[in-house]
Amino acid sequence: KITLLMNTDIEKVEASGEKVRVVFKDGRSMEFDYVFYCLGGR
């Protein structure tokens, strides 16, 4: 029910049509319907 993407560093998040494109610092990218940020204390 959940896929973990461990040791991943997000470079940027951008619109991609009706989806959200997440670009990782290693050059990979993935598209999602929704993105939720859990950012910690700051």
PDB file of all heavy atoms in Angstrom:
ATOM      1  N   LYS A   1       0.810  -1.218   0.000  1.00  0.00           N
ATOM      2  CA  LYS A   1       0.000   0.000   0.000  1.00  0.00           C
ATOM      3  C   LYS A   1       0.844   1.269   0.000  1.00  0.00           C
ATOM      4  O   LYS A   1       0.343   2.336  -0.339  1.00  0.00           O
ATOM      5  CB  LYS A   1      -0.950   0.000   1.187  1.00  0.00           C
ATOM      6  CG  LYS A   1      -1.987  -1.102   1.085  1.00  0.00           C
ATOM      7  CD  LYS A   1      -2.988  -1.043   2.197  1.00  0.00           C
ATOM      8  CE  LYS A   1      -4.039  -2.123   1.972  1.00  0.00           C
ATOM      9  NZ  LYS A   1      -5.086  -2.072   2.977  1.00  0.00           N
ATOM     10  N   ILE A   2       2.110   1.146   0.382  1.00  0.00           N
ATOM     11  CA  ILE A   2       3.024   2.283   0.392  1.00  0.00           C
ATOM     12  C   ILE A   2       4.344   1.823  -0.217  1.00  0.00           C
ATOM     13  O   ILE A   2       4.841   0.743   0.112  1.00  0.00           O
ATOM     14  CB  ILE A   2       3.269   2.814   1.819  1.00  0.00           C
ATOM     15  CG1 ILE A   2       1.978   3.365   2.419  1.00  0.00           C
ATOM     16  CG2 ILE A   2       4.365   3.876   1.837  1.00  0.00           C
ATOM     17  CD1 ILE A   2       2.103   3.818   3.861  1.00  0.00           C
ATOM     18  N   THR A   3       4.908   2.658  -1.087  1.00  0.00           N
ATOM     19  CA  THR A   3       6.236   2.423  -1.642  1.00  0.00           C
ATOM     20  C   THR A   3       7.172   3.460  -1.056  1.00  0.00           C
ATOM     21  O   THR A   3       6.901   4.663  -1.136  1.00  0.00           O
ATOM     22  CB  THR A   3       6.223   2.546  -3.181  1.00  0.00           C
ATOM     23  OG1 THR A   3       5.321   1.579  -3.710  1.00  0.00           O
ATOM     24  CG2 THR A   3       7.614   2.337  -3.759  1.00  0.00           C
ATOM     25  N   LEU A   4       8.254   2.996  -0.446  1.00  0.00           N
ATOM     26  CA  LEU A   4       9.224   3.911   0.153  1.00  0.00           C
ATOM     27  C   LEU A   4      10.276   4.315  -0.870  1.00  0.00           C
ATOM     28  O   LEU A   4      10.799   3.471  -1.605  1.00  0.00           O
ATOM     29  CB  LEU A   4       9.908   3.254   1.350  1.00  0.00           C
ATOM     30  CG  LEU A   4       9.021   2.875   2.519  1.00  0.00           C
ATOM     31  CD1 LEU A   4       9.846   2.191   3.602  1.00  0.00           C
ATOM     32  CD2 LEU A   4       8.304   4.092   3.079  1.00  0.00           C
ATOM     33  N   LEU A   5      10.575   5.596  -0.906  1.00  0.00           N
ATOM     34  CA  LEU A   5      11.660   6.142  -1.721  1.00  0.00           C
ATOM     35  C   LEU A   5      12.683   6.695  -0.741  1.00  0.00           C
ATOM     36  O   LEU A   5      12.706   7.885  -0.438  1.00  0.00           O
ATOM     37  CB  LEU A   5      11.142   7.241  -2.653  1.00  0.00           C
ATOM     38  CG  LEU A   5      10.015   6.860  -3.614  1.00  0.00           C
ATOM     39  CD1 LEU A   5       9.505   8.088  -4.349  1.00  0.00           C
ATOM     40  CD2 LEU A   5      10.483   5.806  -4.594  1.00  0.00           C
ATOM     41  N   MET A   6      13.500   5.796  -0.213  1.00  0.00           N
ATOM     42  CA  MET A   6      14.461   6.184   0.812  1.00  0.00           C
ATOM     43  C   MET A   6      15.698   6.818   0.178  1.00  0.00           C
ATOM     44  O   MET A   6      16.032   6.539  -0.965  1.00  0.00           O
ATOM     45  CB  MET A   6      14.866   4.965   1.640  1.00  0.00           C
ATOM     46  CG  MET A   6      13.705   4.258   2.316  1.00  0.00           C
ATOM     47  SD  MET A   6      12.739   5.311   3.419  1.00  0.00           S
ATOM     48  CE  MET A   6      13.877   5.492   4.775  1.00  0.00           C
ATOM     49  N   ASN A   7      16.356   7.676   0.968  1.00  0.00           N
ATOM     50  CA  ASN A   7      17.597   8.314   0.547  1.00  0.00           C
ATOM     51  C   ASN A   7      17.388   9.111  -0.740  1.00  0.00           C
ATOM     52  O   ASN A   7      18.212   9.093  -1.646  1.00  0.00           O
ATOM     53  CB  ASN A   7      18.700   7.265   0.377  1.00  0.00           C
ATOM     54  CG  ASN A   7      20.073   7.847   0.583  1.00  0.00           C
ATOM     55  OD1 ASN A   7      20.248   8.814   1.311  1.00  0.00           O
ATOM     56  ND2 ASN A   7      21.059   7.261  -0.057  1.00  0.00           N
ATOM     57  N   THR A   8      16.234   9.790  -0.809  1.00  0.00           N
ATOM     58  CA  THR A   8      15.914  10.619  -1.972  1.00  0.00           C
ATOM     59  C   THR A   8      15.891  12.076  -1.548  1.00  0.00           C
ATOM     60  O   THR A   8      15.401  12.430  -0.480  1.00  0.00           O
ATOM     61  CB  THR A   8      14.552  10.245  -2.584  1.00  0.00           C
ATOM     62  OG1 THR A   8      13.542  10.266  -1.568  1.00  0.00           O
ATOM     63  CG2 THR A   8      14.586   8.879  -3.225  1.00  0.00           C
ATOM     64  N   ASP A   9      16.427  12.921  -2.394  1.00  0.00           N
ATOM     65  CA  ASP A   9      16.484  14.349  -2.108  1.00  0.00           C
ATOM     66  C   ASP A   9      15.756  15.073  -3.226  1.00  0.00           C
ATOM     67  O   ASP A   9      16.128  14.949  -4.404  1.00  0.00           O
ATOM     68  CB  ASP A   9      17.950  14.792  -2.035  1.00  0.00           C
ATOM     69  CG  ASP A   9      18.153  16.012  -1.183  1.00  0.00           C
ATOM     70  OD1 ASP A   9      17.158  16.570  -0.670  1.00  0.00           O
ATOM     71  OD2 ASP A   9      19.305  16.431  -1.023  1.00  0.00           O
ATOM     72  N   ILE A  10      14.726  15.811  -2.887  1.00  0.00           N
ATOM     73  CA  ILE A  10      13.912  16.495  -3.882  1.00  0.00           C
ATOM     74  C   ILE A  10      14.556  17.830  -4.235  1.00  0.00           C
ATOM     75  O   ILE A  10      14.865  18.633  -3.356  1.00  0.00           O
ATOM     76  CB  ILE A  10      12.479  16.697  -3.359  1.00  0.00           C
ATOM     77  CG1 ILE A  10      11.815  15.327  -3.150  1.00  0.00           C
ATOM     78  CG2 ILE A  10      11.675  17.558  -4.319  1.00  0.00           C
ATOM     79  CD1 ILE A  10      10.464  15.394  -2.466  1.00  0.00           C
ATOM     80  N   GLU A  11      14.740  18.050  -5.526  1.00  0.00           N
ATOM     81  CA  GLU A  11      15.295  19.310  -6.006  1.00  0.00           C
ATOM     82  C   GLU A  11      14.209  20.354  -6.198  1.00  0.00           C
ATOM     83  O   GLU A  11      14.348  21.499  -5.818  1.00  0.00           O
ATOM     84  CB  GLU A  11      16.035  19.097  -7.325  1.00  0.00           C
ATOM     85  CG  GLU A  11      16.688  20.353  -7.863  1.00  0.00           C
ATOM     86  CD  GLU A  11      17.519  20.082  -9.090  1.00  0.00           C
ATOM     87  OE1 GLU A  11      18.125  18.997  -9.181  1.00  0.00           O
ATOM     88  OE2 GLU A  11      17.566  20.960  -9.961  1.00  0.00           O
ATOM     89  N   LYS A  12      13.098  19.919  -6.829  1.00  0.00           N
ATOM     90  CA  LYS A  12      11.996  20.854  -7.052  1.00  0.00           C
ATOM     91  C   LYS A  12      10.701  20.114  -7.300  1.00  0.00           C
ATOM     92  O   LYS A  12      10.690  18.925  -7.612  1.00  0.00           O
ATOM     93  CB  LYS A  12      12.297  21.800  -8.210  1.00  0.00           C
ATOM     94  CG  LYS A  12      12.437  21.130  -9.563  1.00  0.00           C
ATOM     95  CD  LYS A  12      12.780  22.155 -10.630  1.00  0.00           C
ATOM     96  CE  LYS A  12      13.080  21.469 -11.955  1.00  0.00           C
ATOM     97  NZ  LYS A  12      13.350  22.455 -12.998  1.00  0.00           N
ATOM     98  N   VAL A  13       9.617  20.848  -7.141  1.00  0.00           N
ATOM     99  CA  VAL A  13       8.269  20.359  -7.395  1.00  0.00           C
ATOM    100  C   VAL A  13       7.634  21.356  -8.354  1.00  0.00           C
ATOM    101  O   VAL A  13       7.724  22.566  -8.134  1.00  0.00           O
ATOM    102  CB  VAL A  13       7.457  20.267  -6.075  1.00  0.00           C
ATOM    103  CG1 VAL A  13       6.036  19.832  -6.337  1.00  0.00           C
ATOM    104  CG2 VAL A  13       8.137  19.329  -5.098  1.00  0.00           C
ATOM    105  N   GLU A  14       7.008  20.847  -9.422  1.00  0.00           N
ATOM    106  CA  GLU A  14       6.447  21.756 -10.420  1.00  0.00           C
ATOM    107  C   GLU A  14       5.166  21.186 -11.004  1.00  0.00           C
ATOM    108  O   GLU A  14       4.926  19.976 -10.922  1.00  0.00           O
ATOM    109  CB  GLU A  14       7.472  22.020 -11.527  1.00  0.00           C
ATOM    110  CG  GLU A  14       7.930  20.761 -12.252  1.00  0.00           C
ATOM    111  CD  GLU A  14       9.132  20.976 -13.151  1.00  0.00           C
ATOM    112  OE1 GLU A  14       9.790  22.034 -13.053  1.00  0.00           O
ATOM    113  OE2 GLU A  14       9.438  20.071 -13.946  1.00  0.00           O
ATOM    114  N   ALA A  15       4.370  22.049 -11.590  1.00  0.00           N
ATOM    115  CA  ALA A  15       3.142  21.616 -12.247  1.00  0.00           C
ATOM    116  C   ALA A  15       3.499  20.872 -13.525  1.00  0.00           C
ATOM    117  O   ALA A  15       4.460  21.210 -14.212  1.00  0.00           O
ATOM    118  CB  ALA A  15       2.264  22.821 -12.565  1.00  0.00           C
ATOM    119  N   SER A  16       2.700  19.847 -13.823  1.00  0.00           N
ATOM    120  CA  SER A  16       2.852  19.085 -15.053  1.00  0.00           C
ATOM    121  C   SER A  16       1.448  18.724 -15.532  1.00  0.00           C
ATOM    122  O   SER A  16       0.946  17.635 -15.248  1.00  0.00           O
ATOM    123  CB  SER A  16       3.694  17.831 -14.810  1.00  0.00           C
ATOM    124  OG  SER A  16       3.840  17.102 -16.009  1.00  0.00           O
ATOM    125  N   GLY A  17       0.816  19.658 -16.201  1.00  0.00           N
ATOM    126  CA  GLY A  17      -0.583  19.471 -16.585  1.00  0.00           C
ATOM    127  C   GLY A  17      -1.446  19.428 -15.333  1.00  0.00           C
ATOM    128  O   GLY A  17      -1.364  20.313 -14.492  1.00  0.00           O
ATOM    129  N   GLU A  18      -2.206  18.372 -15.195  1.00  0.00           N
ATOM    130  CA  GLU A  18      -3.063  18.194 -14.016  1.00  0.00           C
ATOM    131  C   GLU A  18      -2.328  17.512 -12.865  1.00  0.00           C
ATOM    132  O   GLU A  18      -2.890  17.313 -11.801  1.00  0.00           O
ATOM    133  CB  GLU A  18      -4.299  17.368 -14.386  1.00  0.00           C
ATOM    134  CG  GLU A  18      -5.214  18.031 -15.389  1.00  0.00           C
ATOM    135  CD  GLU A  18      -5.912  19.255 -14.811  1.00  0.00           C
ATOM    136  OE1 GLU A  18      -6.370  19.200 -13.661  1.00  0.00           O
ATOM    137  OE2 GLU A  18      -5.981  20.268 -15.528  1.00  0.00           O
ATOM    138  N   LYS A  19      -1.088  17.152 -13.070  1.00  0.00           N
ATOM    139  CA  LYS A  19      -0.316  16.422 -12.065  1.00  0.00           C
ATOM    140  C   LYS A  19       0.770  17.303 -11.463  1.00  0.00           C
ATOM    141  O   LYS A  19       0.962  18.444 -11.870  1.00  0.00           O
ATOM    142  CB  LYS A  19       0.305  15.177 -12.698  1.00  0.00           C
ATOM    143  CG  LYS A  19      -0.742  14.218 -13.246  1.00  0.00           C
ATOM    144  CD  LYS A  19      -0.305  12.815 -13.121  1.00  0.00           C
ATOM    145  CE  LYS A  19      -1.399  11.901 -13.619  1.00  0.00           C
ATOM    146  NZ  LYS A  19      -1.864  11.017 -12.589  1.00  0.00           N
ATOM    147  N   VAL A  20       1.477  16.735 -10.503  1.00  0.00           N
ATOM    148  CA  VAL A  20       2.610  17.401  -9.861  1.00  0.00           C
ATOM    149  C   VAL A  20       3.856  16.606 -10.207  1.00  0.00           C
ATOM    150  O   VAL A  20       3.910  15.395  -9.984  1.00  0.00           O
ATOM    151  CB  VAL A  20       2.433  17.458  -8.331  1.00  0.00           C
ATOM    152  CG1 VAL A  20       3.621  18.139  -7.681  1.00  0.00           C
ATOM    153  CG2 VAL A  20       1.133  18.161  -7.964  1.00  0.00           C
ATOM    154  N   ARG A  21       4.850  17.283 -10.751  1.00  0.00           N
ATOM    155  CA  ARG A  21       6.112  16.617 -11.108  1.00  0.00           C
ATOM    156  C   ARG A  21       7.125  16.880 -10.009  1.00  0.00           C
ATOM    157  O   ARG A  21       7.371  18.025  -9.634  1.00  0.00           O
ATOM    158  CB  ARG A  21       6.633  17.168 -12.430  1.00  0.00           C
ATOM    159  CG  ARG A  21       7.880  16.490 -12.906  1.00  0.00           C
ATOM    160  CD  ARG A  21       8.226  17.022 -14.280  1.00  0.00           C
ATOM    161  NE  ARG A  21       9.061  16.074 -14.963  1.00  0.00           N
ATOM    162  CZ  ARG A  21      10.196  16.400 -15.542  1.00  0.00           C
ATOM    163  NH1 ARG A  21      10.610  17.638 -15.559  1.00  0.00           N
ATOM    164  NH2 ARG A  21      10.902  15.478 -16.137  1.00  0.00           N
ATOM    165  N   VAL A  22       7.712  15.802  -9.503  1.00  0.00           N
ATOM    166  CA  VAL A  22       8.752  15.894  -8.485  1.00  0.00           C
ATOM    167  C   VAL A  22      10.075  15.532  -9.164  1.00  0.00           C
ATOM    168  O   VAL A  22      10.192  14.459  -9.755  1.00  0.00           O
ATOM    169  CB  VAL A  22       8.481  14.942  -7.302  1.00  0.00           C
ATOM    170  CG1 VAL A  22       9.634  14.949  -6.317  1.00  0.00           C
ATOM    171  CG2 VAL A  22       7.171  15.325  -6.614  1.00  0.00           C
ATOM    172  N   VAL A  23      11.033  16.455  -9.088  1.00  0.00           N
ATOM    173  CA  VAL A  23      12.351  16.234  -9.679  1.00  0.00           C
ATOM    174  C   VAL A  23      13.326  15.992  -8.528  1.00  0.00           C
ATOM    175  O   VAL A  23      13.446  16.825  -7.620  1.00  0.00           O
ATOM    176  CB  VAL A  23      12.802  17.442 -10.522  1.00  0.00           C
ATOM    177  CG1 VAL A  23      14.192  17.210 -11.096  1.00  0.00           C
ATOM    178  CG2 VAL A  23      11.785  17.724 -11.630  1.00  0.00           C
ATOM    179  N   PHE A  24      14.001  14.849  -8.575  1.00  0.00           N
ATOM    180  CA  PHE A  24      14.965  14.490  -7.546  1.00  0.00           C
ATOM    181  C   PHE A  24      16.356  14.958  -7.952  1.00  0.00           C
ATOM    182  O   PHE A  24      16.652  15.111  -9.139  1.00  0.00           O
ATOM    183  CB  PHE A  24      14.957  12.969  -7.318  1.00  0.00           C
ATOM    184  CG  PHE A  24      13.625  12.451  -6.856  1.00  0.00           C
ATOM    185  CD1 PHE A  24      12.706  11.942  -7.761  1.00  0.00           C
ATOM    186  CD2 PHE A  24      13.283  12.484  -5.514  1.00  0.00           C
ATOM    187  CE1 PHE A  24      11.474  11.465  -7.341  1.00  0.00           C
ATOM    188  CE2 PHE A  24      12.052  12.008  -5.081  1.00  0.00           C
ATOM    189  CZ  PHE A  24      11.146  11.504  -5.992  1.00  0.00           C
ATOM    190  N   LYS A  25      17.211  15.176  -6.969  1.00  0.00           N
ATOM    191  CA  LYS A  25      18.554  15.670  -7.239  1.00  0.00           C
ATOM    192  C   LYS A  25      19.403  14.694  -8.035  1.00  0.00           C
ATOM    193  O   LYS A  25      20.394  15.088  -8.646  1.00  0.00           O
ATOM    194  CB  LYS A  25      19.254  16.068  -5.945  1.00  0.00           C
ATOM    195  CG  LYS A  25      18.691  17.342  -5.361  1.00  0.00           C
ATOM    196  CD  LYS A  25      19.492  17.851  -4.202  1.00  0.00           C
ATOM    197  CE  LYS A  25      18.909  19.171  -3.723  1.00  0.00           C
ATOM    198  NZ  LYS A  25      19.631  19.693  -2.565  1.00  0.00           N
ATOM    199  N   ASP A  26      19.014  13.409  -8.083  1.00  0.00           N
ATOM    200  CA  ASP A  26      19.776  12.430  -8.877  1.00  0.00           C
ATOM    201  C   ASP A  26      19.354  12.429 -10.346  1.00  0.00           C
ATOM    202  O   ASP A  26      19.816  11.610 -11.131  1.00  0.00           O
ATOM    203  CB  ASP A  26      19.676  11.030  -8.275  1.00  0.00           C
ATOM    204  CG  ASP A  26      18.271  10.436  -8.354  1.00  0.00           C
ATOM    205  OD1 ASP A  26      17.356  11.069  -8.928  1.00  0.00           O
ATOM    206  OD2 ASP A  26      18.081   9.320  -7.839  1.00  0.00           O
ATOM    207  N   GLY A  27      18.446  13.339 -10.714  1.00  0.00           N
ATOM    208  CA  GLY A  27      18.016  13.466 -12.104  1.00  0.00           C
ATOM    209  C   GLY A  27      16.709  12.765 -12.438  1.00  0.00           C
ATOM    210  O   GLY A  27      16.094  13.045 -13.464  1.00  0.00           O
ATOM    211  N   ARG A  28      16.270  11.861 -11.578  1.00  0.00           N
ATOM    212  CA  ARG A  28      14.990  11.182 -11.813  1.00  0.00           C
ATOM    213  C   ARG A  28      13.839  12.144 -11.566  1.00  0.00           C
ATOM    214  O   ARG A  28      13.978  13.118 -10.829  1.00  0.00           O
ATOM    215  CB  ARG A  28      14.810   9.995 -10.869  1.00  0.00           C
ATOM    216  CG  ARG A  28      15.739   8.851 -11.105  1.00  0.00           C
ATOM    217  CD  ARG A  28      15.448   7.693 -10.155  1.00  0.00           C
ATOM    218  NE  ARG A  28      15.550   8.128  -8.774  1.00  0.00           N
ATOM    219  CZ  ARG A  28      14.731   7.740  -7.792  1.00  0.00           C
ATOM    220  NH1 ARG A  28      13.766   6.891  -8.033  1.00  0.00           N
ATOM    221  NH2 ARG A  28      14.891   8.168  -6.568  1.00  0.00           N
ATOM    222  N   SER A  29      12.695  11.846 -12.144  1.00  0.00           N
ATOM    223  CA  SER A  29      11.481  12.597 -11.839  1.00  0.00           C
ATOM    224  C   SER A  29      10.298  11.632 -11.861  1.00  0.00           C
ATOM    225  O   SER A  29      10.352  10.587 -12.508  1.00  0.00           O
ATOM    226  CB  SER A  29      11.275  13.739 -12.826  1.00  0.00           C
ATOM    227  OG  SER A  29      11.019  13.252 -14.118  1.00  0.00           O
ATOM    228  N   MET A  30       9.266  11.997 -11.131  1.00  0.00           N
ATOM    229  CA  MET A  30       8.041  11.200 -11.074  1.00  0.00           C
ATOM    230  C   MET A  30       6.869  12.167 -11.038  1.00  0.00           C
ATOM    231  O   MET A  30       7.002  13.287 -10.550  1.00  0.00           O
ATOM    232  CB  MET A  30       8.020  10.322  -9.810  1.00  0.00           C
ATOM    233  CG  MET A  30       9.133   9.294  -9.751  1.00  0.00           C
ATOM    234  SD  MET A  30       9.126   8.365  -8.185  1.00  0.00           S
ATOM    235  CE  MET A  30       7.738   7.267  -8.471  1.00  0.00           C
ATOM    236  N   GLU A  31       5.728  11.719 -11.540  1.00  0.00           N
ATOM    237  CA  GLU A  31       4.527  12.535 -11.503  1.00  0.00           C
ATOM    238  C   GLU A  31       3.504  11.921 -10.550  1.00  0.00           C
ATOM    239  O   GLU A  31       3.354  10.698 -10.495  1.00  0.00           O
ATOM    240  CB  GLU A  31       3.931  12.678 -12.904  1.00  0.00           C
ATOM    241  CG  GLU A  31       4.787  13.540 -13.804  1.00  0.00           C
ATOM    242  CD  GLU A  31       4.121  13.853 -15.125  1.00  0.00           C
ATOM    243  OE1 GLU A  31       3.021  13.343 -15.399  1.00  0.00           O
ATOM    244  OE2 GLU A  31       4.724  14.616 -15.900  1.00  0.00           O
ATOM    245  N   PHE A  32       2.811  12.804  -9.835  1.00  0.00           N
ATOM    246  CA  PHE A  32       1.845  12.383  -8.824  1.00  0.00           C
ATOM    247  C   PHE A  32       0.564  13.201  -8.955  1.00  0.00           C
ATOM    248  O   PHE A  32       0.573  14.310  -9.483  1.00  0.00           O
ATOM    249  CB  PHE A  32       2.422  12.595  -7.417  1.00  0.00           C
ATOM    250  CG  PHE A  32       3.694  11.833  -7.179  1.00  0.00           C
ATOM    251  CD1 PHE A  32       4.929  12.442  -7.344  1.00  0.00           C
ATOM    252  CD2 PHE A  32       3.659  10.503  -6.797  1.00  0.00           C
ATOM    253  CE1 PHE A  32       6.106  11.745  -7.134  1.00  0.00           C
ATOM    254  CE2 PHE A  32       4.840   9.791  -6.580  1.00  0.00           C
ATOM    255  CZ  PHE A  32       6.058  10.415  -6.749  1.00  0.00           C
ATOM    256  N   ASP A  33      -0.523  12.656  -8.437  1.00  0.00           N
ATOM    257  CA  ASP A  33      -1.787  13.398  -8.384  1.00  0.00           C
ATOM    258  C   ASP A  33      -1.750  14.453  -7.287  1.00  0.00           C
ATOM    259  O   ASP A  33      -2.257  15.556  -7.462  1.00  0.00           O
ATOM    260  CB  ASP A  33      -2.967  12.445  -8.132  1.00  0.00           C
ATOM    261  CG  ASP A  33      -3.169  11.478  -9.288  1.00  0.00           C
ATOM    262  OD1 ASP A  33      -3.094  11.913 -10.453  1.00  0.00           O
ATOM    263  OD2 ASP A  33      -3.399  10.285  -9.021  1.00  0.00           O
ATOM    264  N   TYR A  34      -1.143  14.111  -6.159  1.00  0.00           N
ATOM    265  CA  TYR A  34      -1.067  15.000  -5.002  1.00  0.00           C
ATOM    266  C   TYR A  34       0.288  14.853  -4.333  1.00  0.00           C
ATOM    267  O   TYR A  34       0.887  13.789  -4.386  1.00  0.00           O
ATOM    268  CB  TYR A  34      -2.140  14.652  -3.951  1.00  0.00           C
ATOM    269  CG  TYR A  34      -3.540  14.646  -4.492  1.00  0.00           C
ATOM    270  CD1 TYR A  34      -4.149  13.451  -4.876  1.00  0.00           C
ATOM    271  CD2 TYR A  34      -4.248  15.829  -4.634  1.00  0.00           C
ATOM    272  CE1 TYR A  34      -5.427  13.431  -5.384  1.00  0.00           C
ATOM    273  CE2 TYR A  34      -5.536  15.817  -5.146  1.00  0.00           C
ATOM    274  CZ  TYR A  34      -6.120  14.622  -5.519  1.00  0.00           C
ATOM    275  OH  TYR A  34      -7.388  14.613  -6.025  1.00  0.00           O
ATOM    276  N   VAL A  35       0.727  15.917  -3.684  1.00  0.00           N
ATOM    277  CA  VAL A  35       1.960  15.881  -2.904  1.00  0.00           C
ATOM    278  C   VAL A  35       1.657  16.496  -1.542  1.00  0.00           C
ATOM    279  O   VAL A  35       1.074  17.581  -1.460  1.00  0.00           O
ATOM    280  CB  VAL A  35       3.097  16.675  -3.596  1.00  0.00           C
ATOM    281  CG1 VAL A  35       4.306  16.786  -2.692  1.00  0.00           C
ATOM    282  CG2 VAL A  35       3.472  16.031  -4.920  1.00  0.00           C
ATOM    283  N   PHE A  36       2.036  15.797  -0.479  1.00  0.00           N
ATOM    284  CA  PHE A  36       1.887  16.295   0.879  1.00  0.00           C
ATOM    285  C   PHE A  36       3.278  16.519   1.449  1.00  0.00           C
ATOM    286  O   PHE A  36       4.124  15.630   1.371  1.00  0.00           O
ATOM    287  CB  PHE A  36       1.123  15.291   1.766  1.00  0.00           C
ATOM    288  CG  PHE A  36      -0.288  15.070   1.317  1.00  0.00           C
ATOM    289  CD1 PHE A  36      -0.581  14.080   0.384  1.00  0.00           C
ATOM    290  CD2 PHE A  36      -1.307  15.848   1.817  1.00  0.00           C
ATOM    291  CE1 PHE A  36      -1.873  13.868  -0.041  1.00  0.00           C
ATOM    292  CE2 PHE A  36      -2.614  15.642   1.393  1.00  0.00           C
ATOM    293  CZ  PHE A  36      -2.900  14.648   0.467  1.00  0.00           C
ATOM    294  N   TYR A  37       3.507  17.673   2.028  1.00  0.00           N
ATOM    295  CA  TYR A  37       4.804  17.987   2.625  1.00  0.00           C
ATOM    296  C   TYR A  37       4.753  17.722   4.127  1.00  0.00           C
ATOM    297  O   TYR A  37       3.843  18.196   4.803  1.00  0.00           O
ATOM    298  CB  TYR A  37       5.148  19.470   2.448  1.00  0.00           C
ATOM    299  CG  TYR A  37       5.392  19.897   1.035  1.00  0.00           C
ATOM    300  CD1 TYR A  37       4.367  20.374   0.242  1.00  0.00           C
ATOM    301  CD2 TYR A  37       6.666  19.822   0.506  1.00  0.00           C
ATOM    302  CE1 TYR A  37       4.601  20.774  -1.049  1.00  0.00           C
ATOM    303  CE2 TYR A  37       6.910  20.220  -0.797  1.00  0.00           C
ATOM    304  CZ  TYR A  37       5.867  20.703  -1.563  1.00  0.00           C
ATOM    305  OH  TYR A  37       6.104  21.101  -2.846  1.00  0.00           O
ATOM    306  N   CYS A  38       5.700  17.010   4.637  1.00  0.00           N
ATOM    307  CA  CYS A  38       5.899  16.832   6.075  1.00  0.00           C
ATOM    308  C   CYS A  38       7.300  17.361   6.339  1.00  0.00           C
ATOM    309  O   CYS A  38       8.294  16.671   6.109  1.00  0.00           O
ATOM    310  CB  CYS A  38       5.764  15.369   6.471  1.00  0.00           C
ATOM    311  SG  CYS A  38       4.137  14.689   6.100  1.00  0.00           S
ATOM    312  N   LEU A  39       7.376  18.593   6.785  1.00  0.00           N
ATOM    313  CA  LEU A  39       8.636  19.317   6.774  1.00  0.00           C
ATOM    314  C   LEU A  39       9.348  19.387   8.110  1.00  0.00           C
ATOM    315  O   LEU A  39      10.434  19.938   8.185  1.00  0.00           O
ATOM    316  CB  LEU A  39       8.401  20.746   6.259  1.00  0.00           C
ATOM    317  CG  LEU A  39       7.783  20.814   4.875  1.00  0.00           C
ATOM    318  CD1 LEU A  39       7.396  22.240   4.543  1.00  0.00           C
ATOM    319  CD2 LEU A  39       8.728  20.271   3.838  1.00  0.00           C
ATOM    320  N   GLY A  40       8.775  18.881   9.149  1.00  0.00           N
ATOM    321  CA  GLY A  40       9.452  18.932  10.444  1.00  0.00           C
ATOM    322  C   GLY A  40       9.267  20.272  11.134  1.00  0.00           C
ATOM    323  O   GLY A  40       8.308  20.993  10.891  1.00  0.00           O
ATOM    324  N   GLY A  41      10.217  20.623  11.957  1.00  0.00           N
ATOM    325  CA  GLY A  41      10.110  21.796  12.816  1.00  0.00           C
ATOM    326  C   GLY A  41      10.229  23.134  12.115  1.00  0.00           C
ATOM    327  O   GLY A  41       9.608  24.101  12.505  1.00  0.00           O
ATOM    328  N   ARG A  42      11.045  23.206  11.078  1.00  0.00           N
ATOM    329  CA  ARG A  42      11.243  24.470  10.375  1.00  0.00           C
ATOM    330  C   ARG A  42      10.988  24.290   8.887  1.00  0.00           C
ATOM    331  O   ARG A  42      11.531  23.382   8.278  1.00  0.00           O
ATOM    332  CB  ARG A  42      12.677  24.965  10.563  1.00  0.00           C
ATOM    333  CG  ARG A  42      12.960  25.359  12.007  1.00  0.00           C
ATOM    334  CD  ARG A  42      14.357  25.894  12.199  1.00  0.00           C
ATOM    335  NE  ARG A  42      14.693  26.870  11.169  1.00  0.00           N
ATOM    336  CZ  ARG A  42      15.913  27.270  10.893  1.00  0.00           C
ATOM    337  NH1 ARG A  42      16.929  26.774  11.559  1.00  0.00           N
ATOM    338  NH2 ARG A  42      16.146  28.149   9.949  1.00  0.00           N
TER     339      ARG A  42
END
